[in-house]
Amino acid sequence: MRTFIISPLILTAFLPSCKDAGTEAPVSTEPIRVTFENVEHYETFTIPIAGTDVIRDDSTWLRYWRAYWNNYSGTGEKTPPPSIDFSKQMVVAAFYGNKYSGCSNKVEVIREVLLCPTSLRVKLGPLPFLGFCRAIVAPIHMVKIPKSELEVVFTGNIPK
């Protein structure tokens, strides 16, 4: 039987970190993972530009709903936006614009949310295969997380 000793320095390379933006020095090697859940029917938003955003209040949420919500009732009225309790939650979003072809706007690219001493870090994975359909789509992912006043920093494959 072989015994392997792993250097703490090598081990920390595989752990998520709360690196301060633009530096290589970790602020903390033990960030806290934040639980999150998808916003109901988030794929119904069609945002024509690429970017990220943090939605912390009802007025911003309603602005998104008015501008980008594409779900209508049988009478032709917009259906209400998903219910978010902004006294306890906020929404983080990654959207890729309407420059893709595929089958749906719905993607799941938010891999993890980390609570660090001075910020929340939202790690984005790569945009997945969007399907064989040839429709114009605007990939998006929106999740609810506990409300925080900390700065939100997106890392990884940020939409451009």
C-alpha atoms as a PDB file:
ATOM      1  CA  MET A   1       0.000   0.000   0.000  1.00  0.00           C
ATOM      2  CA  ARG A   2       1.285   3.413  -0.963  1.00  0.00           C
ATOM      3  CA  THR A   3       0.866   6.500   1.146  1.00  0.00           C
ATOM      4  CA  PHE A   4       0.566   9.868  -0.530  1.00  0.00           C
ATOM      5  CA  ILE A   5       1.093  13.162   1.200  1.00  0.00           C
ATOM      6  CA  ILE A   6      -0.625  16.098  -0.412  1.00  0.00           C
ATOM      7  CA  SER A   7       0.889  19.460   0.251  1.00  0.00           C
ATOM      8  CA  PRO A   8      -1.589  21.978   1.726  1.00  0.00           C
ATOM      9  CA  LEU A   9      -0.455  24.393  -0.976  1.00  0.00           C
ATOM     10  CA  ILE A  10      -1.529  21.969  -3.729  1.00  0.00           C
ATOM     11  CA  LEU A  11      -4.767  21.144  -1.934  1.00  0.00           C
ATOM     12  CA  THR A  12      -5.819  24.795  -1.727  1.00  0.00           C
ATOM     13  CA  ALA A  13      -5.494  25.046  -5.515  1.00  0.00           C
ATOM     14  CA  PHE A  14      -8.534  22.754  -5.824  1.00  0.00           C
ATOM     15  CA  LEU A  15     -10.690  24.476  -3.222  1.00  0.00           C
ATOM     16  CA  PRO A  16     -12.991  27.352  -4.140  1.00  0.00           C
ATOM     17  CA  SER A  17     -11.562  30.630  -2.957  1.00  0.00           C
ATOM     18  CA  CYS A  18     -12.555  34.177  -2.216  1.00  0.00           C
ATOM     19  CA  LYS A  19      -9.763  35.796  -4.161  1.00  0.00           C
ATOM     20  CA  ASP A  20      -9.879  39.533  -4.211  1.00  0.00           C
ATOM     21  CA  ALA A  21     -10.636  40.702  -7.773  1.00  0.00           C
ATOM     22  CA  GLY A  22      -7.432  41.248  -9.723  1.00  0.00           C
ATOM     23  CA  THR A  23      -5.128  39.552  -7.200  1.00  0.00           C
ATOM     24  CA  GLU A  24      -3.861  36.062  -6.657  1.00  0.00           C
ATOM     25  CA  ALA A  25      -3.807  36.289  -2.852  1.00  0.00           C
ATOM     26  CA  PRO A  26      -6.803  34.579  -1.269  1.00  0.00           C
ATOM     27  CA  VAL A  27      -8.772  36.671   1.192  1.00  0.00           C
ATOM     28  CA  SER A  28     -10.055  33.440   2.749  1.00  0.00           C
ATOM     29  CA  THR A  29      -9.525  29.812   1.812  1.00  0.00           C
ATOM     30  CA  GLU A  30     -12.848  28.749   3.306  1.00  0.00           C
ATOM     31  CA  PRO A  31     -15.717  30.505   1.553  1.00  0.00           C
ATOM     32  CA  ILE A  32     -19.241  29.529   2.476  1.00  0.00           C
ATOM     33  CA  ARG A  33     -21.356  27.985  -0.285  1.00  0.00           C
ATOM     34  CA  VAL A  34     -24.665  29.776  -0.673  1.00  0.00           C
ATOM     35  CA  THR A  35     -27.698  27.722  -1.649  1.00  0.00           C
ATOM     36  CA  PHE A  36     -29.670  28.968  -4.624  1.00  0.00           C
ATOM     37  CA  GLU A  37     -32.685  27.966  -6.657  1.00  0.00           C
ATOM     38  CA  ASN A  38     -33.824  28.769 -10.169  1.00  0.00           C
ATOM     39  CA  VAL A  39     -36.325  31.572 -10.621  1.00  0.00           C
ATOM     40  CA  GLU A  40     -39.599  30.055 -11.814  1.00  0.00           C
ATOM     41  CA  HIS A  41     -40.005  30.350 -15.620  1.00  0.00           C
ATOM     42  CA  TYR A  42     -36.826  32.431 -15.972  1.00  0.00           C
ATOM     43  CA  GLU A  43     -36.478  31.217 -19.563  1.00  0.00           C
ATOM     44  CA  THR A  44     -39.492  33.387 -20.468  1.00  0.00           C
ATOM     45  CA  PHE A  45     -37.279  36.482 -20.254  1.00  0.00           C
ATOM     46  CA  THR A  46     -35.735  37.388 -23.623  1.00  0.00           C
ATOM     47  CA  ILE A  47     -32.934  39.869 -22.998  1.00  0.00           C
ATOM     48  CA  PRO A  48     -31.340  40.967 -26.292  1.00  0.00           C
ATOM     49  CA  ILE A  49     -27.958  41.952 -24.827  1.00  0.00           C
ATOM     50  CA  ALA A  50     -25.259  39.943 -23.082  1.00  0.00           C
ATOM     51  CA  GLY A  51     -24.326  40.607 -19.479  1.00  0.00           C
ATOM     52  CA  THR A  52     -24.939  39.917 -15.818  1.00  0.00           C
ATOM     53  CA  ASP A  53     -27.071  41.646 -13.230  1.00  0.00           C
ATOM     54  CA  VAL A  54     -28.145  41.629  -9.607  1.00  0.00           C
ATOM     55  CA  ILE A  55     -31.798  42.432  -8.908  1.00  0.00           C
ATOM     56  CA  ARG A  56     -32.368  43.504  -5.311  1.00  0.00           C
ATOM     57  CA  ASP A  57     -35.797  45.181  -5.376  1.00  0.00           C
ATOM     58  CA  ASP A  58     -39.330  45.056  -6.789  1.00  0.00           C
ATOM     59  CA  SER A  59     -38.927  48.134  -9.001  1.00  0.00           C
ATOM     60  CA  THR A  60     -35.953  46.653 -10.879  1.00  0.00           C
ATOM     61  CA  TRP A  61     -37.753  43.286 -11.139  1.00  0.00           C
ATOM     62  CA  LEU A  62     -40.828  44.986 -12.625  1.00  0.00           C
ATOM     63  CA  ARG A  63     -38.622  46.909 -15.068  1.00  0.00           C
ATOM     64  CA  TYR A  64     -37.184  43.597 -16.313  1.00  0.00           C
ATOM     65  CA  TRP A  65     -40.691  42.119 -16.503  1.00  0.00           C
ATOM     66  CA  ARG A  66     -42.042  45.040 -18.550  1.00  0.00           C
ATOM     67  CA  ALA A  67     -39.102  45.080 -20.948  1.00  0.00           C
ATOM     68  CA  TYR A  68     -38.253  41.400 -21.416  1.00  0.00           C
ATOM     69  CA  TRP A  69     -41.045  39.050 -20.222  1.00  0.00           C
ATOM     70  CA  ASN A  70     -42.544  37.042 -23.101  1.00  0.00           C
ATOM     71  CA  ASN A  71     -45.236  34.922 -21.496  1.00  0.00           C
ATOM     72  CA  TYR A  72     -48.839  35.827 -22.310  1.00  0.00           C
ATOM     73  CA  SER A  73     -52.204  34.494 -21.178  1.00  0.00           C
ATOM     74  CA  GLY A  74     -54.927  33.285 -23.536  1.00  0.00           C
ATOM     75  CA  THR A  75     -56.372  36.820 -23.504  1.00  0.00           C
ATOM     76  CA  GLY A  76     -53.123  38.350 -24.732  1.00  0.00           C
ATOM     77  CA  GLU A  77     -52.124  39.903 -21.396  1.00  0.00           C
ATOM     78  CA  LYS A  78     -48.656  39.390 -19.932  1.00  0.00           C
ATOM     79  CA  THR A  79     -48.697  36.823 -17.168  1.00  0.00           C
ATOM     80  CA  PRO A  80     -47.425  38.101 -13.797  1.00  0.00           C
ATOM     81  CA  PRO A  81     -43.690  37.899 -13.125  1.00  0.00           C
ATOM     82  CA  PRO A  82     -42.397  35.151 -10.868  1.00  0.00           C
ATOM     83  CA  SER A  83     -42.899  36.029  -7.210  1.00  0.00           C
ATOM     84  CA  ILE A  84     -39.720  37.042  -5.394  1.00  0.00           C
ATOM     85  CA  ASP A  85     -39.693  38.178  -1.754  1.00  0.00           C
ATOM     86  CA  PHE A  86     -37.106  40.954  -2.028  1.00  0.00           C
ATOM     87  CA  SER A  87     -37.148  41.489   1.740  1.00  0.00           C
ATOM     88  CA  LYS A  88     -35.420  38.083   2.041  1.00  0.00           C
ATOM     89  CA  GLN A  89     -34.067  37.276  -1.430  1.00  0.00           C
ATOM     90  CA  MET A  90     -32.388  38.763  -4.465  1.00  0.00           C
ATOM     91  CA  VAL A  91     -31.828  37.523  -8.004  1.00  0.00           C
ATOM     92  CA  VAL A  92     -28.535  37.068  -9.827  1.00  0.00           C
ATOM     93  CA  ALA A  93     -28.677  36.622 -13.582  1.00  0.00           C
ATOM     94  CA  ALA A  94     -26.449  35.784 -16.532  1.00  0.00           C
ATOM     95  CA  PHE A  95     -27.828  36.474 -20.009  1.00  0.00           C
ATOM     96  CA  TYR A  96     -26.198  35.970 -23.381  1.00  0.00           C
ATOM     97  CA  GLY A  97     -28.202  38.086 -25.837  1.00  0.00           C
ATOM     98  CA  ASN A  98     -30.218  37.016 -28.853  1.00  0.00           C
ATOM     99  CA  LYS A  99     -27.314  36.029 -31.078  1.00  0.00           C
ATOM    100  CA  TYR A 100     -27.664  32.252 -30.779  1.00  0.00           C
ATOM    101  CA  SER A 101     -29.721  29.552 -32.443  1.00  0.00           C
ATOM    102  CA  GLY A 102     -31.159  26.693 -30.463  1.00  0.00           C
ATOM    103  CA  CYS A 103     -34.332  25.330 -28.907  1.00  0.00           C
ATOM    104  CA  SER A 104     -34.806  27.333 -25.685  1.00  0.00           C
ATOM    105  CA  ASN A 105     -33.591  30.333 -23.704  1.00  0.00           C
ATOM    106  CA  LYS A 106     -33.251  28.102 -20.639  1.00  0.00           C
ATOM    107  CA  VAL A 107     -29.688  27.300 -19.607  1.00  0.00           C
ATOM    108  CA  GLU A 108     -28.099  26.512 -16.258  1.00  0.00           C
ATOM    109  CA  VAL A 109     -24.703  28.192 -16.142  1.00  0.00           C
ATOM    110  CA  ILE A 110     -24.571  29.436 -12.547  1.00  0.00           C
ATOM    111  CA  ARG A 111     -22.431  26.738 -10.957  1.00  0.00           C
ATOM    112  CA  GLU A 112     -21.981  28.075  -7.437  1.00  0.00           C
ATOM    113  CA  VAL A 113     -22.382  31.121  -5.242  1.00  0.00           C
ATOM    114  CA  LEU A 114     -19.753  31.720  -2.565  1.00  0.00           C
ATOM    115  CA  LEU A 115     -20.013  34.010   0.449  1.00  0.00           C
ATOM    116  CA  CYS A 116     -16.668  35.685   1.004  1.00  0.00           C
ATOM    117  CA  PRO A 117     -15.721  38.274   3.625  1.00  0.00           C
ATOM    118  CA  THR A 118     -16.201  41.249   1.282  1.00  0.00           C
ATOM    119  CA  SER A 119     -18.302  39.911  -1.597  1.00  0.00           C
ATOM    120  CA  LEU A 120     -20.523  37.224  -3.064  1.00  0.00           C
ATOM    121  CA  ARG A 121     -18.807  35.307  -5.882  1.00  0.00           C
ATOM    122  CA  VAL A 122     -21.052  33.873  -8.608  1.00  0.00           C
ATOM    123  CA  LYS A 123     -19.185  31.272 -10.666  1.00  0.00           C
ATOM    124  CA  LEU A 124     -20.456  30.819 -14.229  1.00  0.00           C
ATOM    125  CA  GLY A 125     -19.790  27.714 -16.273  1.00  0.00           C
ATOM    126  CA  PRO A 126     -19.694  27.507 -20.073  1.00  0.00           C
ATOM    127  CA  LEU A 127     -22.778  28.016 -22.201  1.00  0.00           C
ATOM    128  CA  PRO A 128     -24.087  24.505 -22.970  1.00  0.00           C
ATOM    129  CA  PHE A 129     -25.214  23.091 -26.315  1.00  0.00           C
ATOM    130  CA  LEU A 130     -28.514  24.823 -27.123  1.00  0.00           C
ATOM    131  CA  GLY A 131     -30.059  22.082 -29.253  1.00  0.00           C
ATOM    132  CA  PHE A 132     -30.461  21.378 -32.944  1.00  0.00           C
ATOM    133  CA  CYS A 133     -33.347  23.820 -33.461  1.00  0.00           C
ATOM    134  CA  ARG A 134     -32.666  26.840 -35.641  1.00  0.00           C
ATOM    135  CA  ALA A 135     -34.725  29.359 -33.678  1.00  0.00           C
ATOM    136  CA  ILE A 136     -33.124  32.586 -32.453  1.00  0.00           C
ATOM    137  CA  VAL A 137     -32.732  32.232 -28.681  1.00  0.00           C
ATOM    138  CA  ALA A 138     -31.429  34.444 -25.883  1.00  0.00           C
ATOM    139  CA  PRO A 139     -29.889  32.079 -23.306  1.00  0.00           C
ATOM    140  CA  ILE A 140     -30.443  33.132 -19.705  1.00  0.00           C
ATOM    141  CA  HIS A 141     -30.097  31.803 -16.171  1.00  0.00           C
ATOM    142  CA  MET A 142     -31.653  33.502 -13.121  1.00  0.00           C
ATOM    143  CA  VAL A 143     -31.402  32.238  -9.550  1.00  0.00           C
ATOM    144  CA  LYS A 144     -32.694  33.384  -6.177  1.00  0.00           C
ATOM    145  CA  ILE A 145     -30.233  33.719  -3.310  1.00  0.00           C
ATOM    146  CA  PRO A 146     -30.556  35.106   0.220  1.00  0.00           C
ATOM    147  CA  LYS A 147     -30.536  38.904   0.282  1.00  0.00           C
ATOM    148  CA  SER A 148     -27.171  40.538   0.874  1.00  0.00           C
ATOM    149  CA  GLU A 149     -25.736  44.023   0.611  1.00  0.00           C
ATOM    150  CA  LEU A 150     -22.310  42.666  -0.325  1.00  0.00           C
ATOM    151  CA  GLU A 151     -20.849  43.374  -3.761  1.00  0.00           C
ATOM    152  CA  VAL A 152     -21.619  40.580  -6.234  1.00  0.00           C
ATOM    153  CA  VAL A 153     -18.696  39.517  -8.421  1.00  0.00           C
ATOM    154  CA  PHE A 154     -19.268  37.216 -11.418  1.00  0.00           C
ATOM    155  CA  THR A 155     -16.387  34.899 -12.310  1.00  0.00           C
ATOM    156  CA  GLY A 156     -15.757  32.223 -14.918  1.00  0.00           C
ATOM    157  CA  ASN A 157     -17.383  32.328 -18.355  1.00  0.00           C
ATOM    158  CA  ILE A 158     -18.944  35.794 -18.194  1.00  0.00           C
ATOM    159  CA  PRO A 159     -21.313  36.635 -21.093  1.00  0.00           C
ATOM    160  CA  LYS A 160     -19.946  39.226 -23.531  1.00  0.00           C
END
